[in-house]
Protein backbone atom coordinates (compact mmCIF):
# COMPACT_ATOMS: atom_id res chain seq x y z
CA MET A 1 -112.08 -45.51 -79.94
CA GLU A 2 -114.38 -45.31 -82.93
CA ALA A 3 -113.05 -41.84 -83.73
CA LEU A 4 -109.46 -43.11 -83.69
CA LYS A 5 -110.38 -45.98 -86.01
CA THR A 6 -112.03 -43.54 -88.40
CA LEU A 7 -108.95 -41.29 -88.32
CA LEU A 8 -106.59 -44.19 -89.07
CA ILE A 9 -108.68 -45.43 -91.99
CA GLN A 10 -108.91 -41.90 -93.36
CA THR A 11 -105.15 -41.45 -92.96
CA ILE A 12 -104.41 -44.61 -94.93
CA THR A 13 -106.82 -43.52 -97.67
CA VAL A 14 -105.64 -39.91 -97.91
CA ALA A 15 -101.89 -40.64 -97.82
CA PRO A 16 -101.23 -42.35 -101.22
CA PRO A 17 -100.79 -39.26 -103.47
CA VAL A 18 -98.07 -37.73 -101.28
CA LEU A 19 -96.70 -41.10 -100.17
CA ILE A 20 -96.01 -42.62 -103.58
CA THR A 21 -94.73 -39.30 -104.93
CA ALA A 22 -92.36 -38.98 -101.97
CA VAL A 23 -91.01 -42.47 -102.66
CA GLY A 24 -90.46 -41.45 -106.28
CA ALA A 25 -88.68 -38.29 -105.12
CA CYS A 26 -86.31 -40.50 -103.10
CA LEU A 27 -85.40 -42.49 -106.21
CA SER A 28 -84.58 -39.36 -108.18
CA GLU A 29 -82.57 -37.74 -105.37
CA LEU A 30 -80.71 -40.95 -104.53
CA SER A 31 -79.58 -41.13 -108.16
CA GLY A 32 -78.29 -37.56 -107.95
CA VAL A 33 -81.07 -35.53 -109.62
CA THR A 34 -83.36 -33.12 -107.78
CA ASN A 35 -86.88 -33.30 -109.19
CA ILE A 36 -88.75 -30.29 -107.86
CA GLY A 37 -91.14 -30.64 -110.81
CA LEU A 38 -93.13 -33.35 -109.03
CA GLU A 39 -95.91 -30.86 -108.29
CA GLY A 40 -96.42 -30.33 -112.02
CA ILE A 41 -96.07 -34.04 -112.73
CA MET A 42 -98.80 -34.84 -110.20
CA LEU A 43 -101.05 -32.19 -111.69
CA SER A 44 -100.51 -33.49 -115.23
CA GLY A 45 -101.07 -37.09 -114.17
CA ALA A 46 -104.28 -36.09 -112.41
CA PHE A 47 -105.55 -34.30 -115.51
CA ALA A 48 -104.68 -37.15 -117.87
CA ALA A 49 -106.40 -39.68 -115.62
CA ALA A 50 -109.53 -37.54 -115.33
CA VAL A 51 -109.81 -37.10 -119.11
CA VAL A 52 -109.19 -40.76 -119.94
CA ASN A 53 -111.61 -41.93 -117.26
CA TYR A 54 -114.31 -39.57 -118.54
CA PHE A 55 -114.03 -40.64 -122.18
CA THR A 56 -113.34 -44.37 -121.74
CA GLY A 57 -115.13 -45.19 -118.50
CA ASN A 58 -112.10 -47.32 -117.53
CA PRO A 59 -110.52 -46.01 -114.30
CA TYR A 60 -107.61 -48.48 -114.47
CA LEU A 61 -106.67 -47.30 -117.95
CA ALA A 62 -106.97 -43.76 -116.55
CA ILE A 63 -104.49 -44.53 -113.77
CA LEU A 64 -102.09 -46.05 -116.29
CA SER A 65 -102.45 -42.92 -118.44
CA GLY A 66 -101.51 -40.73 -115.50
CA MET A 67 -98.38 -42.81 -114.96
CA VAL A 68 -97.43 -42.60 -118.64
CA VAL A 69 -97.85 -38.81 -118.66
CA GLY A 70 -95.70 -38.60 -115.53
CA LEU A 71 -93.05 -40.68 -117.29
CA LEU A 72 -93.04 -38.43 -120.37
CA ILE A 73 -92.77 -35.21 -118.39
CA SER A 74 -89.99 -36.61 -116.20
CA LEU A 75 -88.17 -37.59 -119.38
CA ILE A 76 -88.00 -33.89 -120.30
CA HIS A 77 -86.54 -33.12 -116.87
CA ALA A 78 -84.09 -36.01 -117.19
CA VAL A 79 -82.77 -34.85 -120.58
CA ILE A 80 -82.33 -31.28 -119.34
CA SER A 81 -80.72 -32.32 -116.06
CA ILE A 82 -78.56 -35.27 -117.14
CA HIS A 83 -77.59 -34.83 -120.78
CA LEU A 84 -77.86 -31.05 -121.20
CA LYS A 85 -76.61 -30.45 -117.64
CA GLY A 86 -79.12 -27.67 -117.09
CA ASP A 87 -80.12 -26.19 -113.77
CA GLN A 88 -82.32 -28.82 -112.13
CA ILE A 89 -84.27 -26.35 -109.99
CA ILE A 90 -85.13 -24.10 -112.94
CA SER A 91 -86.18 -27.13 -114.98
CA GLY A 92 -88.47 -28.30 -112.17
CA VAL A 93 -90.04 -24.88 -111.67
CA ALA A 94 -90.64 -24.62 -115.42
CA ILE A 95 -92.43 -27.98 -115.39
CA ASN A 96 -94.65 -26.82 -112.51
CA LEU A 97 -95.61 -23.59 -114.29
CA PHE A 98 -96.14 -25.41 -117.58
CA ALA A 99 -98.46 -27.95 -115.93
CA VAL A 100 -100.65 -25.29 -114.31
CA ALA A 101 -101.04 -23.34 -117.56
CA THR A 102 -101.44 -26.36 -119.84
CA THR A 103 -104.07 -28.19 -117.79
CA SER A 104 -106.12 -25.00 -117.46
CA TYR A 105 -105.93 -24.41 -121.22
CA LEU A 106 -106.81 -28.02 -122.09
CA ILE A 107 -109.91 -27.96 -119.89
CA LYS A 108 -111.24 -25.03 -121.91
CA THR A 109 -110.17 -26.59 -125.22
CA ILE A 110 -111.55 -30.09 -124.64
CA PHE A 111 -114.64 -29.44 -122.51
CA LYS A 112 -115.48 -25.81 -123.42
CA VAL A 113 -115.67 -24.90 -119.72
CA SER A 114 -113.20 -23.41 -117.25
CA GLY A 115 -112.16 -24.53 -113.79
CA SER A 116 -112.85 -28.26 -113.79
CA THR A 117 -113.61 -31.27 -115.97
CA PRO A 118 -116.96 -33.11 -115.91
CA ALA A 119 -117.14 -35.94 -113.39
CA ALA A 120 -116.49 -39.46 -114.65
CA SER A 121 -119.06 -42.13 -113.83
CA ALA A 122 -116.63 -45.03 -113.37
CA HIS A 123 -114.66 -45.61 -110.17
CA PRO A 124 -111.88 -48.11 -109.44
CA ASN A 125 -111.82 -50.49 -106.50
CA LYS A 126 -110.44 -48.17 -103.81
CA THR A 127 -109.04 -50.97 -101.65
CA LEU A 128 -107.23 -52.52 -104.61
CA VAL A 129 -105.61 -49.25 -105.69
CA VAL A 130 -104.61 -48.31 -102.13
CA LEU A 131 -103.08 -51.75 -101.60
CA PHE A 132 -101.21 -51.52 -104.91
CA ILE A 133 -99.66 -48.17 -103.95
CA TYR A 134 -98.55 -49.31 -100.50
CA VAL A 135 -97.09 -52.54 -101.86
CA LEU A 136 -95.28 -50.61 -104.62
CA ALA A 137 -93.85 -48.18 -102.06
CA LEU A 138 -92.57 -50.97 -99.79
CA LEU A 139 -91.22 -52.90 -102.77
CA THR A 140 -89.29 -49.78 -103.79
CA TYR A 141 -87.68 -49.65 -100.35
CA TYR A 142 -86.60 -53.27 -100.78
CA VAL A 143 -85.19 -52.59 -104.25
CA VAL A 144 -83.22 -49.56 -103.06
CA TYR A 145 -81.49 -51.31 -100.16
CA HIS A 146 -81.48 -55.00 -101.05
CA THR A 147 -80.80 -55.29 -104.79
CA VAL A 148 -77.94 -54.53 -107.18
CA LEU A 149 -80.17 -52.02 -109.00
CA GLY A 150 -80.73 -50.08 -105.78
CA LEU A 151 -77.04 -50.17 -104.92
CA ARG A 152 -76.12 -48.72 -108.30
CA ILE A 153 -78.76 -45.99 -108.07
CA ARG A 154 -77.35 -44.96 -104.70
CA ALA A 155 -73.77 -45.20 -105.97
CA VAL A 156 -74.30 -42.73 -108.83
CA GLY A 157 -75.93 -40.32 -106.38
CA GLU A 158 -73.19 -40.53 -103.77
CA HIS A 159 -70.02 -40.77 -105.86
CA PRO A 160 -70.67 -40.83 -109.61
CA LEU A 161 -66.99 -40.72 -110.55
CA ALA A 162 -66.21 -43.83 -108.51
CA ALA A 163 -69.26 -45.58 -109.98
CA ASP A 164 -68.21 -44.63 -113.51
CA THR A 165 -64.68 -45.88 -112.85
CA VAL A 166 -65.93 -49.40 -112.08
CA GLY A 167 -68.15 -49.46 -115.17
CA ILE A 168 -71.51 -48.31 -113.81
CA SER A 169 -73.30 -46.00 -116.25
CA VAL A 170 -74.06 -42.82 -114.31
CA TYR A 171 -76.41 -41.52 -117.00
CA LYS A 172 -78.35 -44.79 -117.23
CA TYR A 173 -79.09 -45.06 -113.52
CA ARG A 174 -79.88 -41.40 -113.17
CA TYR A 175 -82.41 -41.76 -115.97
CA ILE A 176 -83.92 -44.73 -114.14
CA GLY A 177 -84.24 -42.70 -110.95
CA VAL A 178 -85.81 -39.66 -112.60
CA LEU A 179 -88.20 -41.63 -114.82
CA ALA A 180 -89.34 -43.73 -111.87
CA SER A 181 -90.06 -40.54 -109.92
CA GLY A 182 -92.20 -39.35 -112.82
CA VAL A 183 -94.18 -42.59 -112.97
CA PHE A 184 -94.79 -42.48 -109.22
CA GLY A 185 -95.75 -38.79 -109.32
CA GLY A 186 -98.17 -39.47 -112.17
CA LEU A 187 -99.67 -42.33 -110.15
CA GLY A 188 -100.11 -40.01 -107.18
CA GLY A 189 -101.91 -37.50 -109.37
CA ALA A 190 -104.08 -40.16 -110.99
CA TYR A 191 -105.16 -41.36 -107.55
CA MET A 192 -106.61 -37.93 -106.83
CA THR A 193 -108.91 -37.94 -109.88
CA THR A 194 -109.94 -41.59 -109.86
CA VAL A 195 -110.11 -42.62 -106.19
CA ILE A 196 -110.52 -39.41 -104.15
CA LEU A 197 -112.54 -37.47 -106.74
CA ALA A 198 -114.00 -38.21 -110.17
CA SER A 199 -112.95 -34.99 -111.89
CA PHE A 200 -110.04 -32.58 -112.25
CA THR A 201 -109.98 -29.04 -110.87
CA ASN A 202 -107.44 -26.35 -111.67
CA ASN A 203 -104.30 -26.62 -109.50
CA MET A 204 -105.88 -29.44 -107.48
CA SER A 205 -102.50 -30.86 -106.45
CA ALA A 206 -102.44 -27.91 -104.01
CA GLY A 207 -98.81 -28.27 -103.01
CA ARG A 208 -98.81 -32.06 -102.58
CA GLY A 209 -95.74 -32.37 -104.77
CA PHE A 210 -93.86 -30.06 -102.42
CA MET A 211 -95.23 -31.97 -99.44
CA ALA A 212 -93.78 -35.11 -101.03
CA MET A 213 -90.38 -33.39 -101.23
CA ALA A 214 -90.74 -32.43 -97.56
CA ALA A 215 -91.63 -36.03 -96.67
CA MET A 216 -88.52 -37.19 -98.51
CA ILE A 217 -86.33 -34.79 -96.50
CA PHE A 218 -88.13 -35.64 -93.25
CA GLY A 219 -87.58 -39.32 -94.06
CA ARG A 220 -83.86 -38.70 -94.70
CA TRP A 221 -84.00 -39.73 -98.37
CA ASN A 222 -85.06 -43.23 -97.33
CA PRO A 223 -88.24 -44.58 -99.00
CA LEU A 224 -89.41 -46.13 -95.72
CA GLY A 225 -88.82 -42.86 -93.88
CA ALA A 226 -90.69 -41.00 -96.62
CA ILE A 227 -93.64 -43.40 -96.23
CA LEU A 228 -93.82 -42.75 -92.49
CA ALA A 229 -93.51 -38.99 -92.97
CA SER A 230 -96.28 -39.04 -95.57
CA LEU A 231 -98.53 -40.90 -93.14
CA LEU A 232 -97.87 -38.20 -90.54
CA PHE A 233 -98.89 -35.47 -92.99
CA ALA A 234 -101.92 -37.53 -94.02
CA PHE A 235 -102.95 -37.86 -90.38
CA GLY A 236 -103.00 -34.07 -90.21
CA GLN A 237 -105.27 -33.99 -93.26
CA ALA A 238 -107.50 -36.72 -91.81
CA LEU A 239 -107.73 -34.86 -88.50
CA SER A 240 -108.67 -31.68 -90.34
CA ASP A 241 -111.37 -33.45 -92.37
CA TYR A 242 -112.75 -35.28 -89.33
CA THR A 243 -112.96 -32.10 -87.27
CA LYS A 244 -114.76 -30.28 -90.09
CA ALA A 245 -117.25 -33.13 -90.47
CA SER A 246 -117.94 -33.27 -86.73
CA GLY A 247 -118.92 -29.59 -86.74
CA GLY A 248 -116.36 -28.33 -84.24
CA SER A 249 -115.96 -24.68 -83.33
CA ILE A 250 -112.45 -24.38 -84.80
CA PRO A 251 -112.42 -22.16 -87.92
CA GLN A 252 -112.22 -24.22 -91.13
CA GLU A 253 -109.41 -22.03 -92.47
CA PHE A 254 -107.24 -23.08 -89.54
CA LEU A 255 -108.15 -26.75 -89.98
CA ALA A 256 -107.15 -26.59 -93.64
CA MET A 257 -103.71 -25.37 -92.56
CA ILE A 258 -102.93 -28.42 -90.39
CA PRO A 259 -101.18 -30.62 -93.05
CA TYR A 260 -99.09 -27.68 -94.24
CA LEU A 261 -98.19 -26.65 -90.69
CA LEU A 262 -97.02 -30.20 -90.02
CA THR A 263 -94.89 -30.01 -93.17
CA ILE A 264 -93.27 -26.76 -92.06
CA VAL A 265 -92.65 -28.04 -88.52
CA ALA A 266 -91.08 -31.23 -89.87
CA LEU A 267 -88.75 -29.30 -92.17
CA VAL A 268 -87.71 -26.88 -89.44
CA ALA A 269 -87.15 -29.66 -86.92
CA PHE A 270 -85.38 -32.18 -89.12
CA GLY A 271 -84.31 -30.35 -92.29
CA ARG A 272 -80.98 -29.16 -90.90
CA LYS A 273 -80.03 -32.59 -89.63
CA SER A 274 -80.85 -34.36 -92.88
CA ARG A 275 -78.11 -34.72 -95.47
CA PRO A 276 -78.90 -35.50 -99.12
CA PRO A 277 -76.76 -37.78 -101.30
CA LYS A 278 -73.43 -36.05 -101.88
CA ALA A 279 -73.87 -35.64 -105.65
CA SER A 280 -77.55 -34.67 -105.51
CA GLY A 281 -78.32 -31.75 -107.81
CA LYS A 282 -74.88 -31.83 -109.45
CA PRO A 283 -74.58 -32.63 -113.18
CA TYR A 284 -71.99 -35.28 -114.01
CA GLU A 285 -69.33 -34.75 -116.65
CA LYS A 286 -68.26 -38.13 -118.00
């Protein structure tokens, strides 16, 4: 019983980076824009938070900085995808590659070392930050399905021409969806370098942005479904960490694979049955 309690607490604590990023991915996809650059956005948000926390000693300002960086990077993706009508997948991949290279370069430039930043001494209230992320995720679900804003975001992702015909600005609501996904992805990254750890390490997002996309698909593009899928993946991570700590005989390499195996199984089992918004990934010509 004690082991189960420990696993559940660990799951709730480990889940937020993927969970809030998956909810952000839902907002972008529901508006009609695929944001595969969330991996790079998380990485950039994590780096910004680590740097700000180290130099200011204010972890809450660091978290806000991660969200702002996520917003700015998603703005680039939004302009390319919405106004310039570029390929959304290529734009996202470019953001991911840019983030990996840029964060590695900035570590060497700012701190004169390679690999990771120095650890910050200040830490936020973990319970407060975790609660904020879960409340924000649930509030997003409410907004999507119970407000006019959510209805319009879904409308421009399902049938942008019909939405435009009745006076709904397709560009405006797609920008809202993409920018919100950037803010949430930046928050997920900031959580990693303020709550989980106190420093940034090269490529520390380790595929969590793609796991968030998988959680979105597993959750059928529904923020609540994405939350539940993220908790499932987090349980795999918690189980892996708990087994390692208990000194079991299972090889650590296999244990480290558990969250990713769950992601693959979920995609194989449910990916074919899931259907994205009809206009997702398709530029709109006004």
